Amino acid sequence: MITVTLVSPATGTERTIEAQPGQSLMQAAIAANAPGIEGDCGGLLTCATCHVYVREPWLAHLPPPVADEDSMLDFVAAERRPNSRLSCQIALTPELDGLTVELPASQY
C-alpha cells in the first residue's frame, strides 16, 4: 500500500489515505471519499477539478506535466502555482509512499 496525505489549509485538516500502486492520486482520493478532489471528468484530463499542490520533496519525484496537463492547469479554479498538478496525472508508485499534497480552497 501507498500512503498519501491530503492537507486542507482552508479547514486546517490532514487526511491520510491508502492507495494501490498504479492508481492515480485522483482515483485513490475518490475511492477513499476524501473531500477536496472532485475529478468530474473521471481522469480524462478535461476538467481540472482534481487540482492539487504537491509539496517538496515530492514534486521533484514526479515527471514534469505533459503538454495537455500543463494546458489544463491554466483552467484551475484556484491559483495556479509552480507546484500545481492534476491528481489524475499522478500515478502512484512505491517511490511516492508518503506523498503529501495540499488541496486548493475550491475546485470550482
N, C-alpha and C. Protein backbone atom coordinates (compact mmCIF):
# COMPACT_ATOMS: atom_id res chain seq x y z
N MET A 1 0.83 -1.19 0.00
CA MET A 1 0.00 0.00 0.00
C MET A 1 0.87 1.25 0.00
N ILE A 2 0.35 2.29 -0.60
CA ILE A 2 1.00 3.59 -0.66
C ILE A 2 0.14 4.54 0.17
N THR A 3 0.78 5.31 1.03
CA THR A 3 0.04 6.29 1.80
C THR A 3 0.26 7.68 1.21
N VAL A 4 -0.80 8.46 1.22
CA VAL A 4 -0.78 9.83 0.72
C VAL A 4 -1.50 10.69 1.75
N THR A 5 -0.91 11.84 2.06
CA THR A 5 -1.56 12.77 2.98
C THR A 5 -2.10 13.95 2.19
N LEU A 6 -3.38 14.22 2.42
CA LEU A 6 -4.08 15.34 1.80
C LEU A 6 -4.24 16.42 2.86
N VAL A 7 -3.70 17.59 2.62
CA VAL A 7 -3.74 18.68 3.58
C VAL A 7 -4.70 19.74 3.05
N SER A 8 -5.63 20.15 3.91
CA SER A 8 -6.58 21.19 3.54
C SER A 8 -6.28 22.44 4.37
N PRO A 9 -5.51 23.38 3.81
CA PRO A 9 -5.24 24.61 4.56
C PRO A 9 -6.51 25.38 4.91
N ALA A 10 -7.54 25.28 4.07
CA ALA A 10 -8.79 26.00 4.31
C ALA A 10 -9.47 25.54 5.60
N THR A 11 -9.38 24.24 5.90
CA THR A 11 -10.04 23.71 7.10
C THR A 11 -9.04 23.36 8.20
N GLY A 12 -7.76 23.39 7.88
CA GLY A 12 -6.75 23.04 8.87
C GLY A 12 -6.70 21.56 9.18
N THR A 13 -7.16 20.73 8.24
CA THR A 13 -7.18 19.29 8.48
C THR A 13 -6.21 18.56 7.56
N GLU A 14 -5.81 17.39 8.01
CA GLU A 14 -5.00 16.48 7.21
C GLU A 14 -5.69 15.13 7.20
N ARG A 15 -5.62 14.45 6.08
CA ARG A 15 -6.18 13.10 6.00
C ARG A 15 -5.20 12.23 5.24
N THR A 16 -4.90 11.08 5.81
CA THR A 16 -4.03 10.12 5.13
C THR A 16 -4.89 9.02 4.55
N ILE A 17 -4.66 8.75 3.27
CA ILE A 17 -5.39 7.69 2.58
C ILE A 17 -4.40 6.64 2.10
N GLU A 18 -4.92 5.46 1.80
CA GLU A 18 -4.10 4.38 1.26
C GLU A 18 -4.51 4.13 -0.18
N ALA A 19 -3.52 3.77 -0.98
CA ALA A 19 -3.76 3.54 -2.41
C ALA A 19 -3.00 2.32 -2.88
N GLN A 20 -3.45 1.78 -3.98
CA GLN A 20 -2.77 0.67 -4.63
C GLN A 20 -1.76 1.23 -5.62
N PRO A 21 -0.62 0.58 -5.77
CA PRO A 21 0.31 1.00 -6.82
C PRO A 21 -0.39 0.97 -8.19
N GLY A 22 -0.15 2.00 -8.97
CA GLY A 22 -0.76 2.10 -10.29
C GLY A 22 -2.00 2.96 -10.32
N GLN A 23 -2.64 3.17 -9.18
CA GLN A 23 -3.79 4.06 -9.12
C GLN A 23 -3.30 5.48 -9.31
N SER A 24 -4.17 6.32 -9.84
CA SER A 24 -3.84 7.75 -9.84
C SER A 24 -4.22 8.29 -8.47
N LEU A 25 -3.61 9.41 -8.12
CA LEU A 25 -3.96 10.06 -6.86
C LEU A 25 -5.44 10.40 -6.83
N MET A 26 -5.97 10.87 -7.96
CA MET A 26 -7.40 11.19 -8.03
C MET A 26 -8.26 9.96 -7.74
N GLN A 27 -7.94 8.83 -8.36
CA GLN A 27 -8.71 7.60 -8.14
C GLN A 27 -8.67 7.19 -6.67
N ALA A 28 -7.50 7.28 -6.07
CA ALA A 28 -7.35 6.89 -4.66
C ALA A 28 -8.16 7.81 -3.76
N ALA A 29 -8.13 9.12 -4.02
CA ALA A 29 -8.87 10.07 -3.20
C ALA A 29 -10.38 9.86 -3.32
N ILE A 30 -10.84 9.64 -4.52
CA ILE A 30 -12.27 9.41 -4.72
C ILE A 30 -12.70 8.09 -4.08
N ALA A 31 -11.89 7.05 -4.22
CA ALA A 31 -12.21 5.76 -3.60
C ALA A 31 -12.28 5.87 -2.07
N ALA A 32 -11.48 6.77 -1.51
CA ALA A 32 -11.45 6.97 -0.06
C ALA A 32 -12.48 8.00 0.40
N ASN A 33 -13.30 8.51 -0.52
CA ASN A 33 -14.28 9.55 -0.21
C ASN A 33 -13.63 10.76 0.45
N ALA A 34 -12.45 11.11 -0.02
CA ALA A 34 -11.73 12.26 0.52
C ALA A 34 -12.26 13.54 -0.11
N PRO A 35 -12.74 14.47 0.69
CA PRO A 35 -13.22 15.73 0.12
C PRO A 35 -12.07 16.57 -0.42
N GLY A 36 -12.39 17.37 -1.43
CA GLY A 36 -11.40 18.31 -1.96
C GLY A 36 -10.88 17.97 -3.33
N ILE A 37 -11.05 16.73 -3.75
CA ILE A 37 -10.69 16.32 -5.11
C ILE A 37 -11.96 15.79 -5.75
N GLU A 38 -12.42 16.49 -6.79
CA GLU A 38 -13.70 16.14 -7.41
C GLU A 38 -13.55 15.16 -8.56
N GLY A 39 -12.68 15.43 -9.50
CA GLY A 39 -12.46 14.53 -10.63
C GLY A 39 -13.69 14.35 -11.50
N ASP A 40 -14.34 15.46 -11.85
CA ASP A 40 -15.58 15.40 -12.62
C ASP A 40 -15.45 14.64 -13.94
N CYS A 41 -14.30 14.70 -14.59
CA CYS A 41 -14.15 14.05 -15.90
C CYS A 41 -13.69 12.60 -15.77
N GLY A 42 -13.49 12.14 -14.54
CA GLY A 42 -13.08 10.75 -14.34
C GLY A 42 -11.62 10.49 -14.69
N GLY A 43 -10.84 11.52 -14.78
CA GLY A 43 -9.42 11.34 -15.08
C GLY A 43 -9.07 11.43 -16.54
N LEU A 44 -9.96 11.99 -17.34
CA LEU A 44 -9.72 12.09 -18.78
C LEU A 44 -8.96 13.35 -19.18
N LEU A 45 -8.55 14.14 -18.19
CA LEU A 45 -7.76 15.34 -18.43
C LEU A 45 -8.55 16.40 -19.21
N THR A 46 -9.83 16.55 -18.81
CA THR A 46 -10.66 17.53 -19.49
C THR A 46 -11.38 18.50 -18.55
N CYS A 47 -11.07 18.47 -17.23
CA CYS A 47 -11.86 19.34 -16.35
C CYS A 47 -11.06 20.13 -15.32
N ALA A 48 -9.93 19.67 -14.87
CA ALA A 48 -9.10 20.36 -13.86
C ALA A 48 -9.72 20.42 -12.47
N THR A 49 -10.68 19.55 -12.16
CA THR A 49 -11.29 19.55 -10.82
C THR A 49 -10.61 18.57 -9.87
N CYS A 50 -9.38 18.21 -10.21
CA CYS A 50 -8.58 17.35 -9.33
C CYS A 50 -7.23 18.01 -9.03
N HIS A 51 -7.24 19.33 -9.10
CA HIS A 51 -6.05 20.15 -8.89
C HIS A 51 -5.51 19.98 -7.46
N VAL A 52 -4.20 19.83 -7.34
CA VAL A 52 -3.53 19.76 -6.04
C VAL A 52 -2.22 20.53 -6.13
N TYR A 53 -1.67 20.85 -4.95
CA TYR A 53 -0.35 21.45 -4.84
C TYR A 53 0.56 20.40 -4.22
N VAL A 54 1.55 19.95 -4.96
CA VAL A 54 2.45 18.89 -4.49
C VAL A 54 3.57 19.52 -3.67
N ARG A 55 3.71 19.05 -2.45
CA ARG A 55 4.76 19.56 -1.57
C ARG A 55 6.10 18.93 -1.92
N GLU A 56 7.16 19.69 -1.63
CA GLU A 56 8.50 19.12 -1.72
C GLU A 56 8.72 18.23 -0.51
N PRO A 57 9.51 17.20 -0.60
CA PRO A 57 10.39 16.88 -1.72
C PRO A 57 9.69 16.09 -2.83
N TRP A 58 8.40 15.88 -2.71
CA TRP A 58 7.68 15.00 -3.63
C TRP A 58 7.60 15.54 -5.03
N LEU A 59 7.49 16.84 -5.18
CA LEU A 59 7.39 17.42 -6.52
C LEU A 59 8.58 17.02 -7.38
N ALA A 60 9.74 16.96 -6.78
CA ALA A 60 10.96 16.59 -7.52
C ALA A 60 10.95 15.13 -7.97
N HIS A 61 10.09 14.30 -7.37
CA HIS A 61 10.00 12.89 -7.73
C HIS A 61 9.04 12.63 -8.89
N LEU A 62 8.30 13.65 -9.29
CA LEU A 62 7.32 13.49 -10.36
C LEU A 62 7.91 13.94 -11.70
N PRO A 63 7.50 13.28 -12.77
CA PRO A 63 7.91 13.78 -14.09
C PRO A 63 7.20 15.11 -14.33
N PRO A 64 7.75 15.95 -15.20
CA PRO A 64 7.06 17.21 -15.49
C PRO A 64 5.71 16.94 -16.14
N PRO A 65 4.78 17.88 -16.03
CA PRO A 65 3.47 17.68 -16.66
C PRO A 65 3.61 17.58 -18.18
N VAL A 66 2.81 16.71 -18.77
CA VAL A 66 2.76 16.64 -20.23
C VAL A 66 2.03 17.89 -20.73
N ALA A 67 2.12 18.16 -22.01
CA ALA A 67 1.55 19.39 -22.58
C ALA A 67 0.06 19.54 -22.27
N ASP A 68 -0.71 18.45 -22.36
CA ASP A 68 -2.15 18.54 -22.09
C ASP A 68 -2.44 18.93 -20.64
N GLU A 69 -1.69 18.34 -19.71
CA GLU A 69 -1.88 18.71 -18.30
C GLU A 69 -1.48 20.16 -18.08
N ASP A 70 -0.37 20.56 -18.64
CA ASP A 70 0.09 21.94 -18.49
C ASP A 70 -0.97 22.92 -19.00
N SER A 71 -1.57 22.62 -20.13
CA SER A 71 -2.62 23.48 -20.68
C SER A 71 -3.85 23.50 -19.79
N MET A 72 -4.25 22.33 -19.29
CA MET A 72 -5.44 22.24 -18.44
C MET A 72 -5.24 22.99 -17.12
N LEU A 73 -4.01 23.05 -16.64
CA LEU A 73 -3.73 23.77 -15.39
C LEU A 73 -4.01 25.27 -15.52
N ASP A 74 -4.12 25.77 -16.74
CA ASP A 74 -4.49 27.17 -16.95
C ASP A 74 -5.96 27.42 -16.58
N PHE A 75 -6.74 26.36 -16.41
CA PHE A 75 -8.17 26.49 -16.16
C PHE A 75 -8.57 26.11 -14.74
N VAL A 76 -7.62 25.94 -13.84
CA VAL A 76 -7.97 25.59 -12.46
C VAL A 76 -8.70 26.75 -11.80
N ALA A 77 -9.58 26.44 -10.86
CA ALA A 77 -10.36 27.47 -10.18
C ALA A 77 -9.53 28.25 -9.17
N ALA A 78 -8.64 27.58 -8.49
CA ALA A 78 -7.77 28.23 -7.51
C ALA A 78 -6.49 28.68 -8.20
N GLU A 79 -5.71 29.43 -7.49
CA GLU A 79 -4.45 29.94 -8.04
C GLU A 79 -3.56 28.81 -8.56
N ARG A 80 -3.05 29.00 -9.76
CA ARG A 80 -2.05 28.07 -10.29
C ARG A 80 -0.69 28.47 -9.71
N ARG A 81 0.02 27.48 -9.18
CA ARG A 81 1.33 27.71 -8.60
C ARG A 81 2.35 26.82 -9.31
N PRO A 82 3.65 27.07 -9.08
CA PRO A 82 4.67 26.22 -9.70
C PRO A 82 4.54 24.73 -9.34
N ASN A 83 3.92 24.44 -8.18
CA ASN A 83 3.76 23.05 -7.75
C ASN A 83 2.35 22.52 -8.02
N SER A 84 1.58 23.20 -8.87
CA SER A 84 0.25 22.73 -9.24
C SER A 84 0.35 21.52 -10.15
N ARG A 85 -0.48 20.54 -9.84
CA ARG A 85 -0.60 19.35 -10.70
C ARG A 85 -2.04 18.89 -10.68
N LEU A 86 -2.41 18.11 -11.67
CA LEU A 86 -3.72 17.45 -11.68
C LEU A 86 -3.51 16.06 -11.12
N SER A 87 -4.27 15.73 -10.09
CA SER A 87 -4.05 14.45 -9.40
C SER A 87 -4.39 13.25 -10.28
N CYS A 88 -5.16 13.45 -11.34
CA CYS A 88 -5.44 12.34 -12.26
C CYS A 88 -4.20 11.94 -13.04
N GLN A 89 -3.21 12.81 -13.06
CA GLN A 89 -1.98 12.55 -13.81
C GLN A 89 -0.83 12.10 -12.93
N ILE A 90 -1.09 11.92 -11.64
CA ILE A 90 -0.05 11.44 -10.72
C ILE A 90 -0.28 9.95 -10.49
N ALA A 91 0.52 9.14 -11.15
CA ALA A 91 0.45 7.68 -10.98
C ALA A 91 1.21 7.31 -9.71
N LEU A 92 0.54 6.66 -8.80
CA LEU A 92 1.15 6.32 -7.52
C LEU A 92 2.02 5.08 -7.65
N THR A 93 3.24 5.22 -7.20
CA THR A 93 4.23 4.14 -7.22
C THR A 93 4.79 4.00 -5.81
N PRO A 94 5.44 2.87 -5.52
CA PRO A 94 6.04 2.71 -4.19
C PRO A 94 7.00 3.85 -3.82
N GLU A 95 7.65 4.44 -4.82
CA GLU A 95 8.56 5.55 -4.55
C GLU A 95 7.84 6.79 -4.04
N LEU A 96 6.54 6.87 -4.26
CA LEU A 96 5.75 8.02 -3.80
C LEU A 96 5.06 7.76 -2.47
N ASP A 97 5.38 6.65 -1.81
CA ASP A 97 4.80 6.36 -0.50
C ASP A 97 5.15 7.49 0.46
N GLY A 98 4.14 8.10 1.05
CA GLY A 98 4.34 9.24 1.94
C GLY A 98 4.07 10.58 1.27
N LEU A 99 3.70 10.57 0.00
CA LEU A 99 3.40 11.79 -0.76
C LEU A 99 2.46 12.69 0.04
N THR A 100 2.75 13.99 0.03
CA THR A 100 1.89 14.97 0.68
C THR A 100 1.51 16.04 -0.32
N VAL A 101 0.21 16.30 -0.41
CA VAL A 101 -0.30 17.35 -1.30
C VAL A 101 -1.25 18.25 -0.53
N GLU A 102 -1.30 19.49 -0.94
CA GLU A 102 -2.27 20.44 -0.39
C GLU A 102 -3.44 20.56 -1.36
N LEU A 103 -4.62 20.69 -0.79
CA LEU A 103 -5.81 20.86 -1.60
C LEU A 103 -6.10 22.36 -1.77
N PRO A 104 -6.53 22.77 -2.94
CA PRO A 104 -6.89 24.18 -3.12
C PRO A 104 -8.19 24.49 -2.38
N ALA A 105 -8.44 25.76 -2.18
CA ALA A 105 -9.65 26.18 -1.48
C ALA A 105 -10.91 25.74 -2.21
N SER A 106 -10.84 25.65 -3.54
CA SER A 106 -12.01 25.26 -4.33
C SER A 106 -11.56 24.61 -5.64
N GLN A 107 -12.38 23.69 -6.13
CA GLN A 107 -12.15 23.09 -7.44
C GLN A 107 -13.06 23.74 -8.50
N TYR A 108 -13.98 24.60 -8.05
CA TYR A 108 -14.93 25.24 -8.98
C TYR A 108 -14.84 26.74 -8.88
